Amino acid sequence: MTPDGLLNIVQQGVIVILLMVAPIIGSGLAVGLTVSILQATTQIQEPTLAFVPKIVAVLLAVMIFGGWVFSNVVRFTIQLWSEGLTML
């Protein structure tokens, strides 16, 4: 395998990882920002109020996007194996 081929595989892997975590991290970020604004306006500084909604949002995002994430991982793995076998 050439260094260019390895660099291409790493680049594709990073792109796949970023695409997989974007909806999950984005939902946690949106809920965290909403809770922070709510806490700032009402001056409620309860630490539990910050964590529980974010955990619920991330779990819901994993349940919603889990199949899509898994299919992307499988597609990328199959692509790697098929390209690897042709290089031998």
PDB file of N, CA and C in Angstrom:
ATOM      1  N   MET A   1       0.846  -1.171   0.000  1.00  0.00           N
ATOM      2  CA  MET A   1       0.000   0.000   0.000  1.00  0.00           C
ATOM      3  C   MET A   1       0.895   1.238   0.000  1.00  0.00           C
ATOM      4  N   THR A   2       0.540   2.178  -0.833  1.00  0.00           N
ATOM      5  CA  THR A   2       1.321   3.406  -0.940  1.00  0.00           C
ATOM      6  C   THR A   2       0.919   4.381   0.159  1.00  0.00           C
ATOM      7  N   PRO A   3       1.787   5.319   0.471  1.00  0.00           N
ATOM      8  CA  PRO A   3       1.414   6.340   1.468  1.00  0.00           C
ATOM      9  C   PRO A   3       0.200   7.165   1.038  1.00  0.00           C
ATOM     10  N   ASP A   4       0.063   7.397  -0.265  1.00  0.00           N
ATOM     11  CA  ASP A   4      -1.107   8.143  -0.738  1.00  0.00           C
ATOM     12  C   ASP A   4      -2.394   7.359  -0.511  1.00  0.00           C
ATOM     13  N   GLY A   5      -2.344   6.051  -0.736  1.00  0.00           N
ATOM     14  CA  GLY A   5      -3.524   5.222  -0.494  1.00  0.00           C
ATOM     15  C   GLY A   5      -3.904   5.183   0.969  1.00  0.00           C
ATOM     16  N   LEU A   6      -2.903   5.089   1.831  1.00  0.00           N
ATOM     17  CA  LEU A   6      -3.163   5.090   3.270  1.00  0.00           C
ATOM     18  C   LEU A   6      -3.733   6.426   3.721  1.00  0.00           C
ATOM     19  N   LEU A   7      -3.191   7.514   3.192  1.00  0.00           N
ATOM     20  CA  LEU A   7      -3.700   8.836   3.537  1.00  0.00           C
ATOM     21  C   LEU A   7      -5.143   9.006   3.076  1.00  0.00           C
ATOM     22  N   ASN A   8      -5.471   8.454   1.924  1.00  0.00           N
ATOM     23  CA  ASN A   8      -6.838   8.515   1.412  1.00  0.00           C
ATOM     24  C   ASN A   8      -7.798   7.741   2.318  1.00  0.00           C
ATOM     25  N   ILE A   9      -7.379   6.572   2.781  1.00  0.00           N
ATOM     26  CA  ILE A   9      -8.212   5.770   3.681  1.00  0.00           C
ATOM     27  C   ILE A   9      -8.436   6.493   5.000  1.00  0.00           C
ATOM     28  N   VAL A  10      -7.384   7.091   5.541  1.00  0.00           N
ATOM     29  CA  VAL A  10      -7.519   7.833   6.806  1.00  0.00           C
ATOM     30  C   VAL A  10      -8.445   9.027   6.617  1.00  0.00           C
ATOM     31  N   GLN A  11      -8.309   9.720   5.489  1.00  0.00           N
ATOM     32  CA  GLN A  11      -9.174  10.865   5.217  1.00  0.00           C
ATOM     33  C   GLN A  11     -10.640  10.435   5.125  1.00  0.00           C
ATOM     34  N   GLN A  12     -10.910   9.352   4.419  1.00  0.00           N
ATOM     35  CA  GLN A  12     -12.281   8.854   4.324  1.00  0.00           C
ATOM     36  C   GLN A  12     -12.808   8.424   5.690  1.00  0.00           C
ATOM     37  N   GLY A  13     -11.946   7.804   6.503  1.00  0.00           N
ATOM     38  CA  GLY A  13     -12.347   7.389   7.840  1.00  0.00           C
ATOM     39  C   GLY A  13     -12.720   8.567   8.725  1.00  0.00           C
ATOM     40  N   VAL A  14     -11.947   9.624   8.664  1.00  0.00           N
ATOM     41  CA  VAL A  14     -12.249  10.817   9.462  1.00  0.00           C
ATOM     42  C   VAL A  14     -13.561  11.443   9.015  1.00  0.00           C
ATOM     43  N   ILE A  15     -13.797  11.491   7.716  1.00  0.00           N
ATOM     44  CA  ILE A  15     -15.052  12.050   7.208  1.00  0.00           C
ATOM     45  C   ILE A  15     -16.239  11.211   7.663  1.00  0.00           C
ATOM     46  N   VAL A  16     -16.102   9.893   7.602  1.00  0.00           N
ATOM     47  CA  VAL A  16     -17.191   9.014   8.053  1.00  0.00           C
ATOM     48  C   VAL A  16     -17.461   9.208   9.542  1.00  0.00           C
ATOM     49  N   ILE A  17     -16.408   9.317  10.337  1.00  0.00           N
ATOM     50  CA  ILE A  17     -16.583   9.516  11.782  1.00  0.00           C
ATOM     51  C   ILE A  17     -17.292  10.839  12.061  1.00  0.00           C
ATOM     52  N   LEU A  18     -16.863  11.902  11.386  1.00  0.00           N
ATOM     53  CA  LEU A  18     -17.498  13.206  11.607  1.00  0.00           C
ATOM     54  C   LEU A  18     -18.967  13.193  11.200  1.00  0.00           C
ATOM     55  N   LEU A  19     -19.278  12.519  10.096  1.00  0.00           N
ATOM     56  CA  LEU A  19     -20.676  12.437   9.674  1.00  0.00           C
ATOM     57  C   LEU A  19     -21.517  11.612  10.646  1.00  0.00           C
ATOM     58  N   MET A  20     -20.903  10.596  11.259  1.00  0.00           N
ATOM     59  CA  MET A  20     -21.658   9.743  12.175  1.00  0.00           C
ATOM     60  C   MET A  20     -21.968  10.448  13.488  1.00  0.00           C
ATOM     61  N   VAL A  21     -21.029  11.223  14.007  1.00  0.00           N
ATOM     62  CA  VAL A  21     -21.246  11.830  15.318  1.00  0.00           C
ATOM     63  C   VAL A  21     -21.948  13.180  15.235  1.00  0.00           C
ATOM     64  N   ALA A  22     -22.046  13.775  14.055  1.00  0.00           N
ATOM     65  CA  ALA A  22     -22.632  15.108  13.922  1.00  0.00           C
ATOM     66  C   ALA A  22     -24.065  15.195  14.443  1.00  0.00           C
ATOM     67  N   PRO A  23     -24.985  14.285  14.071  1.00  0.00           N
ATOM     68  CA  PRO A  23     -26.349  14.428  14.588  1.00  0.00           C
ATOM     69  C   PRO A  23     -26.439  14.207  16.096  1.00  0.00           C
ATOM     70  N   ILE A  24     -25.621  13.325  16.617  1.00  0.00           N
ATOM     71  CA  ILE A  24     -25.673  13.016  18.044  1.00  0.00           C
ATOM     72  C   ILE A  24     -25.106  14.173  18.855  1.00  0.00           C
ATOM     73  N   ILE A  25     -23.946  14.662  18.456  1.00  0.00           N
ATOM     74  CA  ILE A  25     -23.340  15.798  19.141  1.00  0.00           C
ATOM     75  C   ILE A  25     -24.189  17.051  18.950  1.00  0.00           C
ATOM     76  N   GLY A  26     -24.748  17.212  17.766  1.00  0.00           N
ATOM     77  CA  GLY A  26     -25.592  18.382  17.491  1.00  0.00           C
ATOM     78  C   GLY A  26     -26.827  18.436  18.364  1.00  0.00           C
ATOM     79  N   SER A  27     -27.460  17.290  18.585  1.00  0.00           N
ATOM     80  CA  SER A  27     -28.647  17.280  19.449  1.00  0.00           C
ATOM     81  C   SER A  27     -28.274  17.607  20.888  1.00  0.00           C
ATOM     82  N   GLY A  28     -27.164  17.058  21.365  1.00  0.00           N
ATOM     83  CA  GLY A  28     -26.706  17.386  22.719  1.00  0.00           C
ATOM     84  C   GLY A  28     -26.348  18.853  22.853  1.00  0.00           C
ATOM     85  N   LEU A  29     -25.732  19.407  21.816  1.00  0.00           N
ATOM     86  CA  LEU A  29     -25.374  20.814  21.825  1.00  0.00           C
ATOM     87  C   LEU A  29     -26.613  21.709  21.841  1.00  0.00           C
ATOM     88  N   ALA A  30     -27.600  21.374  21.021  1.00  0.00           N
ATOM     89  CA  ALA A  30     -28.817  22.189  20.964  1.00  0.00           C
ATOM     90  C   ALA A  30     -29.573  22.161  22.290  1.00  0.00           C
ATOM     91  N   VAL A  31     -29.697  20.980  22.871  1.00  0.00           N
ATOM     92  CA  VAL A  31     -30.395  20.875  24.160  1.00  0.00           C
ATOM     93  C   VAL A  31     -29.598  21.569  25.255  1.00  0.00           C
ATOM     94  N   GLY A  32     -28.280  21.424  25.247  1.00  0.00           N
ATOM     95  CA  GLY A  32     -27.457  22.090  26.243  1.00  0.00           C
ATOM     96  C   GLY A  32     -27.550  23.600  26.157  1.00  0.00           C
ATOM     97  N   LEU A  33     -27.562  24.121  24.933  1.00  0.00           N
ATOM     98  CA  LEU A  33     -27.705  25.566  24.757  1.00  0.00           C
ATOM     99  C   LEU A  33     -29.067  26.053  25.225  1.00  0.00           C
ATOM    100  N   THR A  34     -30.114  25.295  24.912  1.00  0.00           N
ATOM    101  CA  THR A  34     -31.461  25.664  25.342  1.00  0.00           C
ATOM    102  C   THR A  34     -31.577  25.655  26.865  1.00  0.00           C
ATOM    103  N   VAL A  35     -31.036  24.634  27.493  1.00  0.00           N
ATOM    104  CA  VAL A  35     -31.085  24.553  28.959  1.00  0.00           C
ATOM    105  C   VAL A  35     -30.262  25.671  29.583  1.00  0.00           C
ATOM    106  N   SER A  36     -29.128  25.994  29.001  1.00  0.00           N
ATOM    107  CA  SER A  36     -28.299  27.078  29.534  1.00  0.00           C
ATOM    108  C   SER A  36     -29.010  28.417  29.443  1.00  0.00           C
ATOM    109  N   ILE A  37     -29.677  28.665  28.329  1.00  0.00           N
ATOM    110  CA  ILE A  37     -30.444  29.908  28.194  1.00  0.00           C
ATOM    111  C   ILE A  37     -31.590  29.942  29.199  1.00  0.00           C
ATOM    112  N   LEU A  38     -32.259  28.809  29.370  1.00  0.00           N
ATOM    113  CA  LEU A  38     -33.343  28.720  30.348  1.00  0.00           C
ATOM    114  C   LEU A  38     -32.825  28.965  31.763  1.00  0.00           C
ATOM    115  N   GLN A  39     -31.684  28.384  32.093  1.00  0.00           N
ATOM    116  CA  GLN A  39     -31.110  28.584  33.424  1.00  0.00           C
ATOM    117  C   GLN A  39     -30.671  30.034  33.627  1.00  0.00           C
ATOM    118  N   ALA A  40     -30.151  30.649  32.591  1.00  0.00           N
ATOM    119  CA  ALA A  40     -29.702  32.036  32.725  1.00  0.00           C
ATOM    120  C   ALA A  40     -30.869  32.996  32.897  1.00  0.00           C
ATOM    121  N   THR A  41     -31.972  32.720  32.208  1.00  0.00           N
ATOM    122  CA  THR A  41     -33.114  33.639  32.314  1.00  0.00           C
ATOM    123  C   THR A  41     -33.874  33.459  33.619  1.00  0.00           C
ATOM    124  N   THR A  42     -33.937  32.243  34.109  1.00  0.00           N
ATOM    125  CA  THR A  42     -34.678  32.003  35.359  1.00  0.00           C
ATOM    126  C   THR A  42     -33.783  32.010  36.582  1.00  0.00           C
ATOM    127  N   GLN A  43     -32.483  32.069  36.397  1.00  0.00           N
ATOM    128  CA  GLN A  43     -31.490  32.060  37.471  1.00  0.00           C
ATOM    129  C   GLN A  43     -31.592  30.807  38.345  1.00  0.00           C
ATOM    130  N   ILE A  44     -31.988  29.698  37.730  1.00  0.00           N
ATOM    131  CA  ILE A  44     -31.986  28.404  38.413  1.00  0.00           C
ATOM    132  C   ILE A  44     -30.641  27.759  38.106  1.00  0.00           C
ATOM    133  N   GLN A  45     -29.845  27.497  39.120  1.00  0.00           N
ATOM    134  CA  GLN A  45     -28.512  26.943  38.911  1.00  0.00           C
ATOM    135  C   GLN A  45     -28.417  25.519  39.451  1.00  0.00           C
ATOM    136  N   GLU A  46     -29.345  24.694  39.062  1.00  0.00           N
ATOM    137  CA  GLU A  46     -29.353  23.287  39.480  1.00  0.00           C
ATOM    138  C   GLU A  46     -28.504  22.480  38.504  1.00  0.00           C
ATOM    139  N   PRO A  47     -27.437  21.823  38.987  1.00  0.00           N
ATOM    140  CA  PRO A  47     -26.563  21.067  38.070  1.00  0.00           C
ATOM    141  C   PRO A  47     -27.266  19.896  37.393  1.00  0.00           C
ATOM    142  N   THR A  48     -28.215  19.285  38.070  1.00  0.00           N
ATOM    143  CA  THR A  48     -28.927  18.151  37.488  1.00  0.00           C
ATOM    144  C   THR A  48     -29.733  18.579  36.277  1.00  0.00           C
ATOM    145  N   LEU A  49     -30.229  19.791  36.298  1.00  0.00           N
ATOM    146  CA  LEU A  49     -31.039  20.298  35.203  1.00  0.00           C
ATOM    147  C   LEU A  49     -30.219  20.408  33.915  1.00  0.00           C
ATOM    148  N   ALA A  50     -28.920  20.540  34.035  1.00  0.00           N
ATOM    149  CA  ALA A  50     -28.077  20.656  32.848  1.00  0.00           C
ATOM    150  C   ALA A  50     -27.760  19.287  32.240  1.00  0.00           C
ATOM    151  N   PHE A  51     -27.636  18.248  33.058  1.00  0.00           N
ATOM    152  CA  PHE A  51     -27.173  16.952  32.553  1.00  0.00           C
ATOM    153  C   PHE A  51     -28.293  16.052  32.056  1.00  0.00           C
ATOM    154  N   VAL A  52     -29.382  15.989  32.762  1.00  0.00           N
ATOM    155  CA  VAL A  52     -30.439  15.029  32.434  1.00  0.00           C
ATOM    156  C   VAL A  52     -31.031  15.266  31.045  1.00  0.00           C
ATOM    157  N   PRO A  53     -31.407  16.500  30.675  1.00  0.00           N
ATOM    158  CA  PRO A  53     -31.948  16.679  29.315  1.00  0.00           C
ATOM    159  C   PRO A  53     -30.938  16.354  28.214  1.00  0.00           C
ATOM    160  N   LYS A  54     -29.662  16.655  28.453  1.00  0.00           N
ATOM    161  CA  LYS A  54     -28.654  16.335  27.438  1.00  0.00           C
ATOM    162  C   LYS A  54     -28.489  14.829  27.282  1.00  0.00           C
ATOM    163  N   ILE A  55     -28.516  14.106  28.391  1.00  0.00           N
ATOM    164  CA  ILE A  55     -28.398  12.646  28.318  1.00  0.00           C
ATOM    165  C   ILE A  55     -29.588  12.060  27.569  1.00  0.00           C
ATOM    166  N   VAL A  56     -30.781  12.549  27.873  1.00  0.00           N
ATOM    167  CA  VAL A  56     -31.986  12.060  27.195  1.00  0.00           C
ATOM    168  C   VAL A  56     -31.922  12.384  25.702  1.00  0.00           C
ATOM    169  N   ALA A  57     -31.480  13.588  25.358  1.00  0.00           N
ATOM    170  CA  ALA A  57     -31.400  13.978  23.947  1.00  0.00           C
ATOM    171  C   ALA A  57     -30.386  13.130  23.189  1.00  0.00           C
ATOM    172  N   VAL A  58     -29.251  12.863  23.807  1.00  0.00           N
ATOM    173  CA  VAL A  58     -28.233  12.042  23.143  1.00  0.00           C
ATOM    174  C   VAL A  58     -28.735  10.604  22.980  1.00  0.00           C
ATOM    175  N   LEU A  59     -29.391  10.066  23.993  1.00  0.00           N
ATOM    176  CA  LEU A  59     -29.929   8.707  23.871  1.00  0.00           C
ATOM    177  C   LEU A  59     -30.997   8.630  22.788  1.00  0.00           C
ATOM    178  N   LEU A  60     -31.858   9.638  22.704  1.00  0.00           N
ATOM    179  CA  LEU A  60     -32.860   9.660  21.638  1.00  0.00           C
ATOM    180  C   LEU A  60     -32.201   9.772  20.262  1.00  0.00           C
ATOM    181  N   ALA A  61     -31.156  10.586  20.173  1.00  0.00           N
ATOM    182  CA  ALA A  61     -30.456  10.722  18.890  1.00  0.00           C
ATOM    183  C   ALA A  61     -29.792   9.411  18.493  1.00  0.00           C
ATOM    184  N   VAL A  62     -29.241   8.690  19.462  1.00  0.00           N
ATOM    185  CA  VAL A  62     -28.635   7.389  19.155  1.00  0.00           C
ATOM    186  C   VAL A  62     -29.708   6.412  18.682  1.00  0.00           C
ATOM    187  N   MET A  63     -30.866   6.445  19.323  1.00  0.00           N
ATOM    188  CA  MET A  63     -31.949   5.554  18.898  1.00  0.00           C
ATOM    189  C   MET A  63     -32.454   5.911  17.501  1.00  0.00           C
ATOM    190  N   ILE A  64     -32.540   7.192  17.203  1.00  0.00           N
ATOM    191  CA  ILE A  64     -33.057   7.622  15.901  1.00  0.00           C
ATOM    192  C   ILE A  64     -32.031   7.395  14.796  1.00  0.00           C
ATOM    193  N   PHE A  65     -30.778   7.807  15.040  1.00  0.00           N
ATOM    194  CA  PHE A  65     -29.751   7.756  14.005  1.00  0.00           C
ATOM    195  C   PHE A  65     -28.876   6.514  14.078  1.00  0.00           C
ATOM    196  N   GLY A  66     -29.137   5.612  15.006  1.00  0.00           N
ATOM    197  CA  GLY A  66     -28.288   4.441  15.186  1.00  0.00           C
ATOM    198  C   GLY A  66     -28.212   3.548  13.960  1.00  0.00           C
ATOM    199  N   GLY A  67     -29.336   3.315  13.320  1.00  0.00           N
ATOM    200  CA  GLY A  67     -29.345   2.481  12.116  1.00  0.00           C
ATOM    201  C   GLY A  67     -28.557   3.097  10.981  1.00  0.00           C
ATOM    202  N   TRP A  68     -28.694   4.397  10.828  1.00  0.00           N
ATOM    203  CA  TRP A  68     -27.957   5.106   9.787  1.00  0.00           C
ATOM    204  C   TRP A  68     -26.455   5.077  10.059  1.00  0.00           C
ATOM    205  N   VAL A  69     -26.071   5.270  11.324  1.00  0.00           N
ATOM    206  CA  VAL A  69     -24.659   5.222  11.708  1.00  0.00           C
ATOM    207  C   VAL A  69     -24.098   3.825  11.440  1.00  0.00           C
ATOM    208  N   PHE A  70     -24.842   2.799  11.842  1.00  0.00           N
ATOM    209  CA  PHE A  70     -24.380   1.427  11.644  1.00  0.00           C
ATOM    210  C   PHE A  70     -24.230   1.104  10.161  1.00  0.00           C
ATOM    211  N   SER A  71     -25.183   1.544   9.343  1.00  0.00           N
ATOM    212  CA  SER A  71     -25.089   1.264   7.909  1.00  0.00           C
ATOM    213  C   SER A  71     -23.885   1.981   7.292  1.00  0.00           C
ATOM    214  N   ASN A  72     -23.570   3.186   7.766  1.00  0.00           N
ATOM    215  CA  ASN A  72     -22.378   3.876   7.267  1.00  0.00           C
ATOM    216  C   ASN A  72     -21.105   3.143   7.649  1.00  0.00           C
ATOM    217  N   VAL A  73     -21.046   2.635   8.870  1.00  0.00           N
ATOM    218  CA  VAL A  73     -19.866   1.882   9.307  1.00  0.00           C
ATOM    219  C   VAL A  73     -19.718   0.609   8.478  1.00  0.00           C
ATOM    220  N   VAL A  74     -20.806  -0.091   8.260  1.00  0.00           N
ATOM    221  CA  VAL A  74     -20.756  -1.325   7.472  1.00  0.00           C
ATOM    222  C   VAL A  74     -20.346  -1.026   6.035  1.00  0.00           C
ATOM    223  N   ARG A  75     -20.907   0.026   5.449  1.00  0.00           N
ATOM    224  CA  ARG A  75     -20.563   0.392   4.071  1.00  0.00           C
ATOM    225  C   ARG A  75     -19.079   0.751   3.956  1.00  0.00           C
ATOM    226  N   PHE A  76     -18.571   1.510   4.922  1.00  0.00           N
ATOM    227  CA  PHE A  76     -17.158   1.890   4.898  1.00  0.00           C
ATOM    228  C   PHE A  76     -16.258   0.675   5.079  1.00  0.00           C
ATOM    229  N   THR A  77     -16.648  -0.233   5.969  1.00  0.00           N
ATOM    230  CA  THR A  77     -15.859  -1.441   6.191  1.00  0.00           C
ATOM    231  C   THR A  77     -15.831  -2.323   4.949  1.00  0.00           C
ATOM    232  N   ILE A  78     -16.968  -2.501   4.323  1.00  0.00           N
ATOM    233  CA  ILE A  78     -17.024  -3.299   3.090  1.00  0.00           C
ATOM    234  C   ILE A  78     -16.182  -2.660   1.998  1.00  0.00           C
ATOM    235  N   GLN A  79     -16.229  -1.331   1.918  1.00  0.00           N
ATOM    236  CA  GLN A  79     -15.416  -0.626   0.934  1.00  0.00           C
ATOM    237  C   GLN A  79     -13.930  -0.844   1.208  1.00  0.00           C
ATOM    238  N   LEU A  80     -13.531  -0.785   2.479  1.00  0.00           N
ATOM    239  CA  LEU A  80     -12.128  -1.009   2.821  1.00  0.00           C
ATOM    240  C   LEU A  80     -11.692  -2.429   2.479  1.00  0.00           C
ATOM    241  N   TRP A  81     -12.522  -3.400   2.805  1.00  0.00           N
ATOM    242  CA  TRP A  81     -12.163  -4.797   2.533  1.00  0.00           C
ATOM    243  C   TRP A  81     -12.100  -5.057   1.030  1.00  0.00           C
ATOM    244  N   SER A  82     -13.027  -4.504   0.265  1.00  0.00           N
ATOM    245  CA  SER A  82     -13.007  -4.759  -1.162  1.00  0.00           C
ATOM    246  C   SER A  82     -11.810  -4.085  -1.828  1.00  0.00           C
ATOM    247  N   GLU A  83     -11.456  -2.876  -1.391  1.00  0.00           N
ATOM    248  CA  GLU A  83     -10.281  -2.213  -1.947  1.00  0.00           C
ATOM    249  C   GLU A  83      -8.996  -2.909  -1.486  1.00  0.00           C
ATOM    250  N   GLY A  84      -8.998  -3.410  -0.267  1.00  0.00           N
ATOM    251  CA  GLY A  84      -7.819  -4.103   0.250  1.00  0.00           C
ATOM    252  C   GLY A  84      -7.545  -5.397  -0.493  1.00  0.00           C
ATOM    253  N   LEU A  85      -8.610  -6.118  -0.865  1.00  0.00           N
ATOM    254  CA  LEU A  85      -8.428  -7.373  -1.579  1.00  0.00           C
ATOM    255  C   LEU A  85      -7.933  -7.150  -2.998  1.00  0.00           C
ATOM    256  N   THR A  86      -8.299  -6.021  -3.586  1.00  0.00           N
ATOM    257  CA  THR A  86      -7.836  -5.749  -4.956  1.00  0.00           C
ATOM    258  C   THR A  86      -6.390  -5.286  -4.969  1.00  0.00           C
ATOM    259  N   MET A  87      -5.880  -4.799  -3.813  1.00  0.00           N
ATOM    260  CA  MET A  87      -4.503  -4.346  -3.752  1.00  0.00           C
ATOM    261  C   MET A  87      -3.516  -5.500  -3.574  1.00  0.00           C
ATOM    262  N   LEU A  88      -4.005  -6.634  -3.117  1.00  0.00           N
ATOM    263  CA  LEU A  88      -3.102  -7.777  -2.863  1.00  0.00           C
ATOM    264  C   LEU A  88      -2.614  -8.416  -4.123  1.00  0.00           C
TER     265      LEU A  88
END
